[in-house]
Amino acid sequence: IDQVTKRIADYRALNEVPSNVSIPADAVTASASGLDPHISLANARLQAPRVAQACNISPDRVLRLIDGATDGRDLGILGEPGVNVLMLNLALDKEH
């Protein structure tokens, strides 16, 4: 619990997320293998302003790239949509 609490605080500080905004679980935990190439849409969107600043592009452009790198539910009904981080990073690289 202490480790997750610290990760939440670090995530809030890094991404300037106010205390009244929930932090997605995948932002402060890891998959069993640590190799999952996807993050939640909520996690990606919370990071968008920081990524936009780092890449020197507009936050709206980052959000559009996030939408383009988002995979739907498995078989259209299972799980939640996820952002393919590899595909998003490749798209961001093309922007600058």
Protein backbone atom coordinates (compact mmCIF):
# COMPACT_ATOMS: atom_id res chain seq x y z
CA ILE A 1 0.00 0.00 0.00
CA ASP A 2 2.87 2.37 0.80
CA GLN A 3 4.41 1.81 -2.62
CA VAL A 4 1.14 2.50 -4.46
CA THR A 5 0.52 5.60 -2.32
CA LYS A 6 3.97 6.91 -3.28
CA ARG A 7 3.33 6.14 -6.96
CA ILE A 8 0.05 8.08 -6.81
CA ALA A 9 1.81 11.10 -5.31
CA ASP A 10 4.61 10.87 -7.89
CA TYR A 11 2.13 10.55 -10.76
CA ARG A 12 0.15 13.54 -9.52
CA ALA A 13 3.31 15.65 -9.26
CA LEU A 14 4.71 14.60 -12.64
CA ASN A 15 1.45 15.16 -14.51
CA GLU A 16 0.13 18.05 -12.38
CA VAL A 17 -3.07 16.14 -11.57
CA PRO A 18 -5.19 17.80 -8.87
CA SER A 19 -6.13 15.81 -5.78
CA ASN A 20 -9.82 15.75 -6.77
CA VAL A 21 -9.05 13.75 -9.96
CA SER A 22 -8.86 9.96 -9.71
CA ILE A 23 -5.67 8.27 -10.84
CA PRO A 24 -6.24 5.20 -13.06
CA ALA A 25 -5.09 1.96 -11.45
CA ASP A 26 -2.81 1.09 -14.36
CA ALA A 27 -0.85 4.31 -13.74
CA VAL A 28 0.35 3.09 -10.34
CA THR A 29 0.43 -0.70 -10.72
CA ALA A 30 2.14 -3.07 -13.14
CA SER A 31 0.97 -6.09 -15.09
CA ALA A 32 2.31 -9.44 -13.93
CA SER A 33 4.92 -9.47 -16.69
CA GLY A 34 5.37 -5.71 -16.92
CA LEU A 35 5.25 -6.12 -20.71
CA ASP A 36 1.73 -4.98 -21.55
CA PRO A 37 2.04 -2.47 -24.43
CA HIS A 38 -1.26 -0.78 -23.52
CA ILE A 39 -2.33 1.79 -20.96
CA SER A 40 -5.84 2.93 -20.19
CA LEU A 41 -7.37 5.76 -22.13
CA ALA A 42 -7.78 7.71 -18.87
CA ASN A 43 -4.09 7.27 -18.06
CA ALA A 44 -3.03 8.47 -21.51
CA ARG A 45 -5.32 11.49 -21.41
CA LEU A 46 -4.02 12.57 -17.99
CA GLN A 47 -0.47 12.50 -19.39
CA ALA A 48 -1.38 14.37 -22.60
CA PRO A 49 -0.54 17.91 -21.40
CA ARG A 50 2.93 16.83 -20.22
CA VAL A 51 3.58 14.90 -23.43
CA ALA A 52 2.41 17.85 -25.53
CA GLN A 53 4.81 20.15 -23.74
CA ALA A 54 7.70 17.70 -24.04
CA CYS A 55 7.03 17.19 -27.77
CA ASN A 56 6.29 20.86 -28.41
CA ILE A 57 2.91 20.11 -30.01
CA SER A 58 -0.60 21.10 -29.01
CA PRO A 59 -2.48 19.12 -26.37
CA ASP A 60 -5.34 18.71 -28.85
CA ARG A 61 -2.94 17.07 -31.31
CA VAL A 62 -1.73 14.68 -28.62
CA LEU A 63 -5.33 13.76 -27.80
CA ARG A 64 -6.01 13.01 -31.47
CA LEU A 65 -2.90 10.83 -31.63
CA ILE A 66 -4.06 9.03 -28.48
CA ASP A 67 -7.42 8.37 -30.14
CA GLY A 68 -5.61 7.02 -33.21
CA ALA A 69 -3.53 4.63 -31.08
CA THR A 70 -6.50 3.36 -29.08
CA ASP A 71 -7.55 -0.23 -29.64
CA GLY A 72 -11.16 -1.20 -29.01
CA ARG A 73 -12.49 -3.90 -26.74
CA ASP A 74 -11.46 -7.47 -27.55
CA LEU A 75 -14.11 -9.05 -29.76
CA GLY A 76 -15.96 -5.75 -29.42
CA ILE A 77 -17.26 -6.61 -25.94
CA LEU A 78 -14.44 -7.76 -23.64
CA GLY A 79 -12.34 -5.50 -21.45
CA GLU A 80 -11.77 -1.81 -21.93
CA PRO A 81 -10.24 0.12 -24.82
CA GLY A 82 -6.50 0.59 -24.42
CA VAL A 83 -3.88 2.91 -25.87
CA ASN A 84 -1.06 1.10 -27.63
CA VAL A 85 1.93 3.00 -26.24
CA LEU A 86 4.32 1.81 -28.96
CA MET A 87 2.01 3.03 -31.72
CA LEU A 88 1.45 6.31 -29.89
CA ASN A 89 5.18 6.88 -29.44
CA LEU A 90 5.80 6.19 -33.13
CA ALA A 91 3.07 8.70 -34.07
CA LEU A 92 4.55 11.27 -31.66
CA ASP A 93 8.00 10.75 -33.19
CA LYS A 94 6.58 11.61 -36.62
CA GLU A 95 5.24 14.91 -35.25
CA HIS A 96 8.66 16.36 -34.52
